[in-house]
């Protein structure tokens, strides 16, 4: 049994108006809102995109 991917939330919940990404976790509002309903594959896809978003 595998553990589902954990949320990248670090409780710094501020959306950057220029990028649309959270300044804490780099997710979009839609990704934050949908996280609990996402499949493990969807969560992995989001997690994979975060490093590039943080460099913006």
C-alpha atoms as a PDB file:
ATOM      1  CA  UNK A   1       0.000   0.000   0.000  1.00  0.00           C
ATOM      2  CA  UNK A   2       1.385   3.406  -0.938  1.00  0.00           C
ATOM      3  CA  UNK A   3       0.826   6.657   0.876  1.00  0.00           C
ATOM      4  CA  UNK A   4      -1.072   9.316  -1.066  1.00  0.00           C
ATOM      5  CA  UNK A   5       0.973  12.407  -1.956  1.00  0.00           C
ATOM      6  CA  UNK A   6       0.957  14.987   0.823  1.00  0.00           C
ATOM      7  CA  UNK A   7      -0.225  18.525   0.308  1.00  0.00           C
ATOM      8  CA  UNK A   8       2.614  20.976  -0.303  1.00  0.00           C
ATOM      9  CA  UNK A   9       0.830  23.600   1.824  1.00  0.00           C
ATOM     10  CA  UNK A  10       3.126  25.450   4.243  1.00  0.00           C
ATOM     11  CA  UNK A  11       0.377  27.730   5.644  1.00  0.00           C
ATOM     12  CA  UNK A  12       1.559  30.827   3.757  1.00  0.00           C
ATOM     13  CA  UNK A  13      -1.660  31.283   1.838  1.00  0.00           C
ATOM     14  CA  UNK A  14      -1.314  34.337  -0.388  1.00  0.00           C
ATOM     15  CA  UNK A  15      -2.065  34.279  -4.104  1.00  0.00           C
ATOM     16  CA  UNK A  16       0.406  36.287  -6.169  1.00  0.00           C
ATOM     17  CA  UNK A  17      -1.720  38.398  -8.533  1.00  0.00           C
ATOM     18  CA  UNK A  18       0.998  38.419 -11.201  1.00  0.00           C
ATOM     19  CA  UNK A  19       1.377  34.635 -11.460  1.00  0.00           C
ATOM     20  CA  UNK A  20      -1.848  33.270  -9.961  1.00  0.00           C
ATOM     21  CA  UNK A  21       0.232  30.938  -7.784  1.00  0.00           C
ATOM     22  CA  UNK A  22       0.189  30.722  -4.004  1.00  0.00           C
ATOM     23  CA  UNK A  23       3.351  32.308  -2.580  1.00  0.00           C
ATOM     24  CA  UNK A  24       3.605  29.472  -0.058  1.00  0.00           C
ATOM     25  CA  UNK A  25       2.981  26.305  -2.055  1.00  0.00           C
ATOM     26  CA  UNK A  26       2.990  27.532  -5.697  1.00  0.00           C
ATOM     27  CA  UNK A  27      -0.393  25.960  -6.488  1.00  0.00           C
ATOM     28  CA  UNK A  28      -3.281  27.729  -8.195  1.00  0.00           C
ATOM     29  CA  UNK A  29      -6.558  28.366  -6.385  1.00  0.00           C
ATOM     30  CA  UNK A  30      -8.170  25.561  -8.409  1.00  0.00           C
ATOM     31  CA  UNK A  31      -5.419  23.136  -7.397  1.00  0.00           C
ATOM     32  CA  UNK A  32      -5.709  24.122  -3.734  1.00  0.00           C
ATOM     33  CA  UNK A  33      -9.499  23.806  -3.775  1.00  0.00           C
ATOM     34  CA  UNK A  34      -9.477  20.483  -5.607  1.00  0.00           C
ATOM     35  CA  UNK A  35      -6.571  18.836  -3.795  1.00  0.00           C
ATOM     36  CA  UNK A  36      -8.653  16.478  -1.646  1.00  0.00           C
ATOM     37  CA  UNK A  37     -10.667  15.309  -4.653  1.00  0.00           C
ATOM     38  CA  UNK A  38      -7.637  14.826  -6.934  1.00  0.00           C
ATOM     39  CA  UNK A  39      -6.424  11.347  -7.741  1.00  0.00           C
ATOM     40  CA  UNK A  40      -2.891  10.429  -6.690  1.00  0.00           C
ATOM     41  CA  UNK A  41      -1.829  10.878 -10.319  1.00  0.00           C
ATOM     42  CA  UNK A  42      -3.295  14.396 -10.434  1.00  0.00           C
ATOM     43  CA  UNK A  43      -1.543  15.265  -7.181  1.00  0.00           C
ATOM     44  CA  UNK A  44       1.764  13.957  -8.556  1.00  0.00           C
ATOM     45  CA  UNK A  45       1.284  16.077 -11.695  1.00  0.00           C
ATOM     46  CA  UNK A  46       0.762  19.198  -9.592  1.00  0.00           C
ATOM     47  CA  UNK A  47       3.722  18.397  -7.337  1.00  0.00           C
ATOM     48  CA  UNK A  48       5.962  17.904 -10.378  1.00  0.00           C
ATOM     49  CA  UNK A  49       5.062  21.376 -11.683  1.00  0.00           C
ATOM     50  CA  UNK A  50       5.845  23.229  -8.445  1.00  0.00           C
ATOM     51  CA  UNK A  51       9.651  23.578  -8.705  1.00  0.00           C
ATOM     52  CA  UNK A  52       9.413  25.426 -12.027  1.00  0.00           C
ATOM     53  CA  UNK A  53       6.663  27.671 -10.647  1.00  0.00           C
ATOM     54  CA  UNK A  54       8.789  28.632  -7.658  1.00  0.00           C
ATOM     55  CA  UNK A  55      11.516  29.901  -9.992  1.00  0.00           C
ATOM     56  CA  UNK A  56       9.113  32.380 -11.633  1.00  0.00           C
END
